[in-house]
Amino acid sequence: MACPNLVKSGFVFPLINIFVRAEQGDRAVNDSQSGKKSKFDTDANWKNLVLFYEYFHGDNGSGIDASHQTGWTGLVAKLIQQSSEYSD
Protein backbone atom coordinates (compact mmCIF):
# COMPACT_ATOMS: atom_id res chain seq x y z
CA MET A 1 0.00 0.00 0.00
CA ALA A 2 1.35 3.40 -0.95
CA CYS A 3 1.71 5.88 1.81
CA PRO A 4 -1.24 8.30 1.70
CA ASN A 5 1.16 11.15 2.46
CA LEU A 6 3.15 10.39 -0.70
CA VAL A 7 -0.03 10.56 -2.75
CA LYS A 8 -1.24 13.75 -1.08
CA SER A 9 2.15 15.40 -1.51
CA GLY A 10 2.04 14.75 -5.26
CA PHE A 11 5.17 12.58 -5.21
CA VAL A 12 3.60 9.78 -7.28
CA PHE A 13 1.94 11.91 -9.98
CA PRO A 14 5.02 12.51 -12.19
CA LEU A 15 5.48 8.74 -12.41
CA ILE A 16 1.80 8.13 -13.09
CA ASN A 17 1.69 10.85 -15.76
CA ILE A 18 4.19 8.94 -17.92
CA PHE A 19 1.42 6.39 -18.55
CA VAL A 20 -1.65 8.67 -18.74
CA ARG A 21 -2.97 9.89 -22.09
CA ALA A 22 -2.30 13.57 -22.78
CA GLU A 23 -4.89 15.87 -24.33
CA GLN A 24 -3.49 14.98 -27.77
CA GLY A 25 -4.33 11.31 -27.11
CA ASP A 26 -0.79 9.98 -26.71
CA ARG A 27 1.20 8.69 -23.74
CA ALA A 28 4.69 9.93 -22.88
CA VAL A 29 5.86 6.34 -22.47
CA ASN A 30 5.09 5.72 -26.16
CA ASP A 31 7.10 8.67 -27.49
CA SER A 32 9.78 7.60 -29.92
CA GLN A 33 13.14 9.28 -30.28
CA SER A 34 12.44 9.69 -34.01
CA GLY A 35 9.29 11.72 -33.42
CA LYS A 36 7.13 9.13 -35.21
CA LYS A 37 3.82 8.32 -33.51
CA SER A 38 3.64 4.88 -31.93
CA LYS A 39 1.00 2.35 -32.97
CA PHE A 40 0.17 2.21 -29.26
CA ASP A 41 -1.17 5.76 -29.65
CA THR A 42 -2.71 5.56 -33.13
CA ASP A 43 -3.92 2.02 -33.91
CA ALA A 44 -7.36 1.19 -32.47
CA ASN A 45 -6.27 -2.41 -31.82
CA TRP A 46 -3.27 -1.36 -29.73
CA LYS A 47 -4.43 1.94 -28.25
CA ASN A 48 -5.50 0.62 -24.85
CA LEU A 49 -2.35 -1.41 -24.22
CA VAL A 50 0.31 0.12 -21.99
CA LEU A 51 3.95 -0.97 -22.16
CA PHE A 52 6.07 -1.05 -19.03
CA TYR A 53 9.68 -0.32 -19.92
CA GLU A 54 12.81 -1.00 -17.92
CA TYR A 55 13.99 2.63 -18.05
CA PHE A 56 12.53 6.01 -18.98
CA HIS A 57 14.01 9.07 -20.69
CA GLY A 58 14.51 11.73 -18.02
CA ASP A 59 13.33 14.65 -20.15
CA ASN A 60 10.27 13.31 -21.98
CA GLY A 61 9.32 10.07 -20.18
CA SER A 62 9.62 7.86 -23.26
CA GLY A 63 10.25 4.19 -22.62
CA ILE A 64 13.79 2.91 -23.11
CA ASP A 65 15.20 -0.63 -23.26
CA ALA A 66 13.17 -3.79 -22.61
CA SER A 67 9.43 -3.25 -23.07
CA HIS A 68 8.24 -6.36 -21.30
CA GLN A 69 9.21 -5.32 -17.80
CA THR A 70 6.58 -5.71 -15.12
CA GLY A 71 8.83 -5.45 -12.08
CA TRP A 72 9.00 -2.09 -10.36
CA THR A 73 7.08 -0.36 -13.18
CA GLY A 74 4.19 -2.74 -12.56
CA LEU A 75 3.69 -0.85 -9.30
CA VAL A 76 2.38 2.11 -11.29
CA ALA A 77 -1.02 0.40 -11.66
CA LYS A 78 -1.28 0.17 -7.88
CA LEU A 79 -0.17 3.79 -7.50
CA ILE A 80 -2.87 4.91 -9.94
CA GLN A 81 -5.49 3.01 -7.97
CA GLN A 82 -4.32 4.36 -4.63
CA SER A 83 -3.95 7.91 -5.90
CA SER A 84 -7.69 7.97 -6.55
CA GLU A 85 -8.36 6.62 -3.06
CA TYR A 86 -6.17 9.12 -1.23
CA SER A 87 -6.48 12.22 -3.39
CA ASP A 88 -9.64 13.49 -1.70
PDB file of N, CA and C in Angstrom:
ATOM      1  N   MET A   1       0.842  -1.180   0.000  1.00  0.00           N
ATOM      2  CA  MET A   1       0.000   0.000   0.000  1.00  0.00           C
ATOM      3  C   MET A   1       0.886   1.242   0.000  1.00  0.00           C
ATOM      4  N   ALA A   2       0.596   2.140  -0.892  1.00  0.00           N
ATOM      5  CA  ALA A   2       1.347   3.400  -0.951  1.00  0.00           C
ATOM      6  C   ALA A   2       0.989   4.252   0.246  1.00  0.00           C
ATOM      7  N   CYS A   3       1.931   4.988   0.684  1.00  0.00           N
ATOM      8  CA  CYS A   3       1.705   5.880   1.813  1.00  0.00           C
ATOM      9  C   CYS A   3       0.777   7.011   1.371  1.00  0.00           C
ATOM     10  N   PRO A   4      -0.331   7.222   2.077  1.00  0.00           N
ATOM     11  CA  PRO A   4      -1.243   8.303   1.697  1.00  0.00           C
ATOM     12  C   PRO A   4      -0.560   9.660   1.639  1.00  0.00           C
ATOM     13  N   ASN A   5       0.451   9.864   2.471  1.00  0.00           N
ATOM     14  CA  ASN A   5       1.156  11.148   2.464  1.00  0.00           C
ATOM     15  C   ASN A   5       1.930  11.358   1.169  1.00  0.00           C
ATOM     16  N   LEU A   6       2.460  10.275   0.585  1.00  0.00           N
ATOM     17  CA  LEU A   6       3.149  10.395  -0.703  1.00  0.00           C
ATOM     18  C   LEU A   6       2.174  10.793  -1.798  1.00  0.00           C
ATOM     19  N   VAL A   7       0.986  10.227  -1.756  1.00  0.00           N
ATOM     20  CA  VAL A   7      -0.028  10.564  -2.751  1.00  0.00           C
ATOM     21  C   VAL A   7      -0.473  12.003  -2.572  1.00  0.00           C
ATOM     22  N   LYS A   8      -0.767  12.390  -1.345  1.00  0.00           N
ATOM     23  CA  LYS A   8      -1.237  13.751  -1.078  1.00  0.00           C
ATOM     24  C   LYS A   8      -0.179  14.801  -1.389  1.00  0.00           C
ATOM     25  N   SER A   9       1.081  14.438  -1.234  1.00  0.00           N
ATOM     26  CA  SER A   9       2.153  15.400  -1.511  1.00  0.00           C
ATOM     27  C   SER A   9       2.411  15.560  -3.009  1.00  0.00           C
ATOM     28  N   GLY A  10       1.837  14.675  -3.813  1.00  0.00           N
ATOM     29  CA  GLY A  10       2.036  14.754  -5.256  1.00  0.00           C
ATOM     30  C   GLY A  10       3.266  14.011  -5.740  1.00  0.00           C
ATOM     31  N   PHE A  11       3.934  13.284  -4.867  1.00  0.00           N
ATOM     32  CA  PHE A  11       5.166  12.576  -5.215  1.00  0.00           C
ATOM     33  C   PHE A  11       4.957  11.543  -6.318  1.00  0.00           C
ATOM     34  N   VAL A  12       3.815  10.869  -6.333  1.00  0.00           N
ATOM     35  CA  VAL A  12       3.595   9.777  -7.285  1.00  0.00           C
ATOM     36  C   VAL A  12       3.084  10.250  -8.643  1.00  0.00           C
ATOM     37  N   PHE A  13       2.573  11.466  -8.742  1.00  0.00           N
ATOM     38  CA  PHE A  13       1.938  11.908  -9.984  1.00  0.00           C
ATOM     39  C   PHE A  13       2.883  12.039 -11.176  1.00  0.00           C
ATOM     40  N   PRO A  14       4.124  12.495 -11.017  1.00  0.00           N
ATOM     41  CA  PRO A  14       5.018  12.511 -12.189  1.00  0.00           C
ATOM     42  C   PRO A  14       5.237  11.113 -12.771  1.00  0.00           C
ATOM     43  N   LEU A  15       5.321  10.112 -11.932  1.00  0.00           N
ATOM     44  CA  LEU A  15       5.482   8.736 -12.410  1.00  0.00           C
ATOM     45  C   LEU A  15       4.210   8.254 -13.096  1.00  0.00           C
ATOM     46  N   ILE A  16       3.070   8.530 -12.498  1.00  0.00           N
ATOM     47  CA  ILE A  16       1.796   8.125 -13.088  1.00  0.00           C
ATOM     48  C   ILE A  16       1.582   8.808 -14.434  1.00  0.00           C
ATOM     49  N   ASN A  17       1.941  10.080 -14.537  1.00  0.00           N
ATOM     50  CA  ASN A  17       1.686  10.849 -15.758  1.00  0.00           C
ATOM     51  C   ASN A  17       2.433  10.331 -16.980  1.00  0.00           C
ATOM     52  N   ILE A  18       3.490   9.557 -16.784  1.00  0.00           N
ATOM     53  CA  ILE A  18       4.192   8.943 -17.915  1.00  0.00           C
ATOM     54  C   ILE A  18       3.247   8.017 -18.680  1.00  0.00           C
ATOM     55  N   PHE A  19       2.303   7.404 -17.968  1.00  0.00           N
ATOM     56  CA  PHE A  19       1.425   6.390 -18.550  1.00  0.00           C
ATOM     57  C   PHE A  19       0.031   6.897 -18.909  1.00  0.00           C
ATOM     58  N   VAL A  20      -0.312   8.115 -18.497  1.00  0.00           N
ATOM     59  CA  VAL A  20      -1.649   8.671 -18.736  1.00  0.00           C
ATOM     60  C   VAL A  20      -1.688   9.356 -20.100  1.00  0.00           C
ATOM     61  N   ARG A  21      -2.812   9.227 -20.793  1.00  0.00           N
ATOM     62  CA  ARG A  21      -2.971   9.894 -22.089  1.00  0.00           C
ATOM     63  C   ARG A  21      -3.012  11.406 -21.912  1.00  0.00           C
ATOM     64  N   ALA A  22      -2.274  12.103 -22.764  1.00  0.00           N
ATOM     65  CA  ALA A  22      -2.298  13.568 -22.785  1.00  0.00           C
ATOM     66  C   ALA A  22      -3.524  14.030 -23.568  1.00  0.00           C
ATOM     67  N   GLU A  23      -3.747  15.321 -23.597  1.00  0.00           N
ATOM     68  CA  GLU A  23      -4.894  15.868 -24.332  1.00  0.00           C
ATOM     69  C   GLU A  23      -4.849  15.506 -25.817  1.00  0.00           C
ATOM     70  N   GLN A  24      -3.643  15.342 -26.360  1.00  0.00           N
ATOM     71  CA  GLN A  24      -3.487  14.981 -27.773  1.00  0.00           C
ATOM     72  C   GLN A  24      -3.801  13.508 -28.021  1.00  0.00           C
ATOM     73  N   GLY A  25      -3.987  12.717 -26.967  1.00  0.00           N
ATOM     74  CA  GLY A  25      -4.325  11.309 -27.109  1.00  0.00           C
ATOM     75  C   GLY A  25      -3.155  10.359 -27.041  1.00  0.00           C
ATOM     76  N   ASP A  26      -1.954  10.862 -26.772  1.00  0.00           N
ATOM     77  CA  ASP A  26      -0.791   9.978 -26.707  1.00  0.00           C
ATOM     78  C   ASP A  26      -0.242   9.918 -25.286  1.00  0.00           C
ATOM     79  N   ARG A  27       0.557   8.879 -25.044  1.00  0.00           N
ATOM     80  CA  ARG A  27       1.200   8.694 -23.741  1.00  0.00           C
ATOM     81  C   ARG A  27       2.687   8.998 -23.873  1.00  0.00           C
ATOM     82  N   ALA A  28       3.255   9.612 -22.854  1.00  0.00           N
ATOM     83  CA  ALA A  28       4.689   9.927 -22.879  1.00  0.00           C
ATOM     84  C   ALA A  28       5.525   8.666 -23.025  1.00  0.00           C
ATOM     85  N   VAL A  29       5.102   7.585 -22.411  1.00  0.00           N
ATOM     86  CA  VAL A  29       5.863   6.338 -22.466  1.00  0.00           C
ATOM     87  C   VAL A  29       5.989   5.818 -23.897  1.00  0.00           C
ATOM     88  N   ASN A  30       5.066   6.189 -24.769  1.00  0.00           N
ATOM     89  CA  ASN A  30       5.086   5.715 -26.156  1.00  0.00           C
ATOM     90  C   ASN A  30       5.865   6.615 -27.096  1.00  0.00           C
ATOM     91  N   ASP A  31       6.353   7.758 -26.627  1.00  0.00           N
ATOM     92  CA  ASP A  31       7.104   8.671 -27.494  1.00  0.00           C
ATOM     93  C   ASP A  31       8.334   7.974 -28.046  1.00  0.00           C
ATOM     94  N   SER A  32       8.568   8.166 -29.323  1.00  0.00           N
ATOM     95  CA  SER A  32       9.776   7.601 -29.919  1.00  0.00           C
ATOM     96  C   SER A  32      10.813   8.699 -30.087  1.00  0.00           C
ATOM     97  N   GLN A  33      12.058   8.313 -30.108  1.00  0.00           N
ATOM     98  CA  GLN A  33      13.136   9.282 -30.275  1.00  0.00           C
ATOM     99  C   GLN A  33      13.118   9.882 -31.678  1.00  0.00           C
ATOM    100  N   SER A  34      12.487   9.193 -32.636  1.00  0.00           N
ATOM    101  CA  SER A  34      12.441   9.685 -34.013  1.00  0.00           C
ATOM    102  C   SER A  34      11.318  10.690 -34.235  1.00  0.00           C
ATOM    103  N   GLY A  35      10.413  10.813 -33.275  1.00  0.00           N
ATOM    104  CA  GLY A  35       9.289  11.723 -33.421  1.00  0.00           C
ATOM    105  C   GLY A  35       8.087  11.088 -34.098  1.00  0.00           C
ATOM    106  N   LYS A  36       8.229   9.840 -34.550  1.00  0.00           N
ATOM    107  CA  LYS A  36       7.135   9.126 -35.208  1.00  0.00           C
ATOM    108  C   LYS A  36       6.143   8.641 -34.150  1.00  0.00           C
ATOM    109  N   LYS A  37       4.855   8.775 -34.436  1.00  0.00           N
ATOM    110  CA  LYS A  37       3.819   8.316 -33.512  1.00  0.00           C
ATOM    111  C   LYS A  37       3.852   6.796 -33.390  1.00  0.00           C
ATOM    112  N   SER A  38       3.646   6.305 -32.194  1.00  0.00           N
ATOM    113  CA  SER A  38       3.636   4.877 -31.926  1.00  0.00           C
ATOM    114  C   SER A  38       2.277   4.278 -32.278  1.00  0.00           C
ATOM    115  N   LYS A  39       2.271   3.014 -32.702  1.00  0.00           N
ATOM    116  CA  LYS A  39       0.997   2.352 -32.970  1.00  0.00           C
ATOM    117  C   LYS A  39       0.201   2.186 -31.679  1.00  0.00           C
ATOM    118  N   PHE A  40       0.865   2.280 -30.540  1.00  0.00           N
ATOM    119  CA  PHE A  40       0.169   2.212 -29.257  1.00  0.00           C
ATOM    120  C   PHE A  40      -0.616   3.492 -28.972  1.00  0.00           C
ATOM    121  N   ASP A  41      -0.398   4.522 -29.761  1.00  0.00           N
ATOM    122  CA  ASP A  41      -1.172   5.759 -29.655  1.00  0.00           C
ATOM    123  C   ASP A  41      -2.155   5.932 -30.802  1.00  0.00           C
ATOM    124  N   THR A  42      -1.911   5.288 -31.938  1.00  0.00           N
ATOM    125  CA  THR A  42      -2.713   5.563 -33.132  1.00  0.00           C
ATOM    126  C   THR A  42      -3.601   4.411 -33.587  1.00  0.00           C
ATOM    127  N   ASP A  43      -3.175   3.182 -33.419  1.00  0.00           N
ATOM    128  CA  ASP A  43      -3.917   2.022 -33.906  1.00  0.00           C
ATOM    129  C   ASP A  43      -4.997   1.620 -32.894  1.00  0.00           C
ATOM    130  N   ALA A  44      -6.234   1.520 -33.357  1.00  0.00           N
ATOM    131  CA  ALA A  44      -7.357   1.193 -32.471  1.00  0.00           C
ATOM    132  C   ALA A  44      -7.181  -0.161 -31.778  1.00  0.00           C
ATOM    133  N   ASN A  45      -6.484  -1.084 -32.414  1.00  0.00           N
ATOM    134  CA  ASN A  45      -6.274  -2.408 -31.822  1.00  0.00           C
ATOM    135  C   ASN A  45      -5.223  -2.410 -30.721  1.00  0.00           C
ATOM    136  N   TRP A  46      -4.369  -1.406 -30.682  1.00  0.00           N
ATOM    137  CA  TRP A  46      -3.266  -1.356 -29.728  1.00  0.00           C
ATOM    138  C   TRP A  46      -3.403  -0.211 -28.727  1.00  0.00           C
ATOM    139  N   LYS A  47      -4.329   0.679 -28.978  1.00  0.00           N
ATOM    140  CA  LYS A  47      -4.429   1.944 -28.251  1.00  0.00           C
ATOM    141  C   LYS A  47      -4.575   1.803 -26.734  1.00  0.00           C
ATOM    142  N   ASN A  48      -5.251   0.774 -26.280  1.00  0.00           N
ATOM    143  CA  ASN A  48      -5.503   0.625 -24.848  1.00  0.00           C
ATOM    144  C   ASN A  48      -4.464  -0.233 -24.133  1.00  0.00           C
ATOM    145  N   LEU A  49      -3.423  -0.633 -24.838  1.00  0.00           N
ATOM    146  CA  LEU A  49      -2.348  -1.409 -24.218  1.00  0.00           C
ATOM    147  C   LEU A  49      -1.250  -0.464 -23.742  1.00  0.00           C
ATOM    148  N   VAL A  50      -0.732  -0.727 -22.561  1.00  0.00           N
ATOM    149  CA  VAL A  50       0.314   0.118 -21.993  1.00  0.00           C
ATOM    150  C   VAL A  50       1.563  -0.725 -21.793  1.00  0.00           C
ATOM    151  N   LEU A  51       2.678  -0.267 -22.343  1.00  0.00           N
ATOM    152  CA  LEU A  51       3.948  -0.970 -22.163  1.00  0.00           C
ATOM    153  C   LEU A  51       4.650  -0.471 -20.904  1.00  0.00           C
ATOM    154  N   PHE A  52       5.289  -1.382 -20.206  1.00  0.00           N
ATOM    155  CA  PHE A  52       6.070  -1.046 -19.025  1.00  0.00           C
ATOM    156  C   PHE A  52       7.538  -1.295 -19.347  1.00  0.00           C
ATOM    157  N   TYR A  53       8.275  -0.234 -19.534  1.00  0.00           N
ATOM    158  CA  TYR A  53       9.685  -0.321 -19.919  1.00  0.00           C
ATOM    159  C   TYR A  53      10.593  -0.444 -18.701  1.00  0.00           C
ATOM    160  N   GLU A  54      11.817  -0.859 -18.975  1.00  0.00           N
ATOM    161  CA  GLU A  54      12.811  -0.995 -17.915  1.00  0.00           C
ATOM    162  C   GLU A  54      13.306   0.364 -17.438  1.00  0.00           C
ATOM    163  N   TYR A  55      13.500   1.290 -18.374  1.00  0.00           N
ATOM    164  CA  TYR A  55      13.989   2.634 -18.053  1.00  0.00           C
ATOM    165  C   TYR A  55      13.153   3.669 -18.792  1.00  0.00           C
ATOM    166  N   PHE A  56      13.266   4.911 -18.356  1.00  0.00           N
ATOM    167  CA  PHE A  56      12.530   6.005 -18.980  1.00  0.00           C
ATOM    168  C   PHE A  56      13.461   7.177 -19.236  1.00  0.00           C
ATOM    169  N   HIS A  57      13.237   7.876 -20.349  1.00  0.00           N
ATOM    170  CA  HIS A  57      14.009   9.071 -20.691  1.00  0.00           C
ATOM    171  C   HIS A  57      13.693  10.145 -19.657  1.00  0.00           C
ATOM    172  N   GLY A  58      14.701  10.752 -19.090  1.00  0.00           N
ATOM    173  CA  GLY A  58      14.514  11.726 -18.020  1.00  0.00           C
ATOM    174  C   GLY A  58      13.829  13.007 -18.437  1.00  0.00           C
ATOM    175  N   ASP A  59      13.923  13.387 -19.705  1.00  0.00           N
ATOM    176  CA  ASP A  59      13.325  14.645 -20.152  1.00  0.00           C
ATOM    177  C   ASP A  59      11.892  14.492 -20.649  1.00  0.00           C
ATOM    178  N   ASN A  60      11.609  13.415 -21.380  1.00  0.00           N
ATOM    179  CA  ASN A  60      10.275  13.309 -21.977  1.00  0.00           C
ATOM    180  C   ASN A  60       9.471  12.092 -21.518  1.00  0.00           C
ATOM    181  N   GLY A  61      10.050  11.216 -20.715  1.00  0.00           N
ATOM    182  CA  GLY A  61       9.321  10.071 -20.181  1.00  0.00           C
ATOM    183  C   GLY A  61       9.170   8.898 -21.123  1.00  0.00           C
ATOM    184  N   SER A  62       9.766   8.968 -22.307  1.00  0.00           N
ATOM    185  CA  SER A  62       9.618   7.862 -23.257  1.00  0.00           C
ATOM    186  C   SER A  62      10.297   6.606 -22.725  1.00  0.00           C
ATOM    187  N   GLY A  63       9.714   5.458 -23.076  1.00  0.00           N
ATOM    188  CA  GLY A  63      10.248   4.191 -22.621  1.00  0.00           C
ATOM    189  C   GLY A  63      11.541   3.836 -23.331  1.00  0.00           C
ATOM    190  N   ILE A  64      12.483   3.280 -22.576  1.00  0.00           N
ATOM    191  CA  ILE A  64      13.788   2.910 -23.114  1.00  0.00           C
ATOM    192  C   ILE A  64      14.104   1.483 -22.667  1.00  0.00           C
ATOM    193  N   ASP A  65      14.716   0.713 -23.540  1.00  0.00           N
ATOM    194  CA  ASP A  65      15.200  -0.634 -23.257  1.00  0.00           C
ATOM    195  C   ASP A  65      14.045  -1.634 -23.300  1.00  0.00           C
ATOM    196  N   ALA A  66      14.126  -2.688 -22.529  1.00  0.00           N
ATOM    197  CA  ALA A  66      13.166  -3.787 -22.613  1.00  0.00           C
ATOM    198  C   ALA A  66      11.740  -3.296 -22.349  1.00  0.00           C
ATOM    199  N   SER A  67      10.808  -3.713 -23.206  1.00  0.00           N
ATOM    200  CA  SER A  67       9.427  -3.249 -23.074  1.00  0.00           C
ATOM    201  C   SER A  67       8.506  -4.299 -22.457  1.00  0.00           C
ATOM    202  N   HIS A  68       9.056  -5.321 -21.904  1.00  0.00           N
ATOM    203  CA  HIS A  68       8.239  -6.363 -21.296  1.00  0.00           C
ATOM    204  C   HIS A  68       8.429  -6.420 -19.782  1.00  0.00           C
ATOM    205  N   GLN A  69       8.934  -5.351 -19.231  1.00  0.00           N
ATOM    206  CA  GLN A  69       9.208  -5.318 -17.799  1.00  0.00           C
ATOM    207  C   GLN A  69       7.921  -5.111 -17.007  1.00  0.00           C
ATOM    208  N   THR A  70       7.716  -5.913 -16.019  1.00  0.00           N
ATOM    209  CA  THR A  70       6.583  -5.709 -15.116  1.00  0.00           C
ATOM    210  C   THR A  70       7.049  -5.794 -13.669  1.00  0.00           C
ATOM    211  N   GLY A  71       8.295  -5.464 -13.435  1.00  0.00           N
ATOM    212  CA  GLY A  71       8.832  -5.449 -12.082  1.00  0.00           C
ATOM    213  C   GLY A  71       8.389  -4.197 -11.351  1.00  0.00           C
ATOM    214  N   TRP A  72       9.332  -3.297 -11.119  1.00  0.00           N
ATOM    215  CA  TRP A  72       8.999  -2.087 -10.360  1.00  0.00           C
ATOM    216  C   TRP A  72       8.019  -1.200 -11.103  1.00  0.00           C
ATOM    217  N   THR A  73       8.025  -1.208 -12.451  1.00  0.00           N
ATOM    218  CA  THR A  73       7.083  -0.363 -13.181  1.00  0.00           C
ATOM    219  C   THR A  73       5.659  -0.906 -13.087  1.00  0.00           C
ATOM    220  N   GLY A  74       5.518  -2.175 -12.774  1.00  0.00           N
ATOM    221  CA  GLY A  74       4.191  -2.739 -12.561  1.00  0.00           C
ATOM    222  C   GLY A  74       3.498  -2.141 -11.350  1.00  0.00           C
ATOM    223  N   LEU A  75       4.268  -1.518 -10.473  1.00  0.00           N
ATOM    224  CA  LEU A  75       3.691  -0.853  -9.301  1.00  0.00           C
ATOM    225  C   LEU A  75       2.881   0.377  -9.674  1.00  0.00           C
ATOM    226  N   VAL A  76       3.086   0.899 -10.867  1.00  0.00           N
ATOM    227  CA  VAL A  76       2.376   2.106 -11.292  1.00  0.00           C
ATOM    228  C   VAL A  76       0.870   1.875 -11.273  1.00  0.00           C
ATOM    229  N   ALA A  77       0.421   0.690 -11.674  1.00  0.00           N
ATOM    230  CA  ALA A  77      -1.017   0.403 -11.657  1.00  0.00           C
ATOM    231  C   ALA A  77      -1.574   0.542 -10.246  1.00  0.00           C
ATOM    232  N   LYS A  78      -0.837   0.045  -9.275  1.00  0.00           N
ATOM    233  CA  LYS A  78      -1.276   0.170  -7.875  1.00  0.00           C
ATOM    234  C   LYS A  78      -1.244   1.627  -7.426  1.00  0.00           C
ATOM    235  N   LEU A  79      -0.240   2.375  -7.861  1.00  0.00           N
ATOM    236  CA  LEU A  79      -0.169   3.793  -7.504  1.00  0.00           C
ATOM    237  C   LEU A  79      -1.335   4.571  -8.099  1.00  0.00           C
ATOM    238  N   ILE A  80      -1.724   4.238  -9.322  1.00  0.00           N
ATOM    239  CA  ILE A  80      -2.872   4.905  -9.943  1.00  0.00           C
ATOM    240  C   ILE A  80      -4.137   4.623  -9.138  1.00  0.00           C
ATOM    241  N   GLN A  81      -4.325   3.372  -8.761  1.00  0.00           N
ATOM    242  CA  GLN A  81      -5.494   3.007  -7.967  1.00  0.00           C
ATOM    243  C   GLN A  81      -5.496   3.754  -6.638  1.00  0.00           C
ATOM    244  N   GLN A  82      -4.374   3.743  -5.948  1.00  0.00           N
ATOM    245  CA  GLN A  82      -4.322   4.363  -4.631  1.00  0.00           C
ATOM    246  C   GLN A  82      -4.358   5.882  -4.697  1.00  0.00           C
ATOM    247  N   SER A  83      -3.894   6.453  -5.799  1.00  0.00           N
ATOM    248  CA  SER A  83      -3.954   7.913  -5.899  1.00  0.00           C
ATOM    249  C   SER A  83      -5.399   8.384  -5.948  1.00  0.00           C
ATOM    250  N   SER A  84      -6.276   7.580  -6.540  1.00  0.00           N
ATOM    251  CA  SER A  84      -7.690   7.968  -6.555  1.00  0.00           C
ATOM    252  C   SER A  84      -8.323   7.783  -5.181  1.00  0.00           C
ATOM    253  N   GLU A  85      -7.828   6.838  -4.403  1.00  0.00           N
ATOM    254  CA  GLU A  85      -8.364   6.615  -3.060  1.00  0.00           C
ATOM    255  C   GLU A  85      -7.947   7.706  -2.080  1.00  0.00           C
ATOM    256  N   TYR A  86      -6.711   8.191  -2.214  1.00  0.00           N
ATOM    257  CA  TYR A  86      -6.166   9.124  -1.229  1.00  0.00           C
ATOM    258  C   TYR A  86      -6.148  10.573  -1.684  1.00  0.00           C
ATOM    259  N   SER A  87      -6.605  10.856  -2.886  1.00  0.00           N
ATOM    260  CA  SER A  87      -6.482  12.223  -3.394  1.00  0.00           C
ATOM    261  C   SER A  87      -7.575  13.153  -2.894  1.00  0.00           C
ATOM    262  N   ASP A  88      -8.541  12.642  -2.194  1.00  0.00           N
ATOM    263  CA  ASP A  88      -9.637  13.491  -1.696  1.00  0.00           C
ATOM    264  C   ASP A  88      -9.202  14.483  -0.662  1.00  0.00           C
TER     265      ASP A  88
END
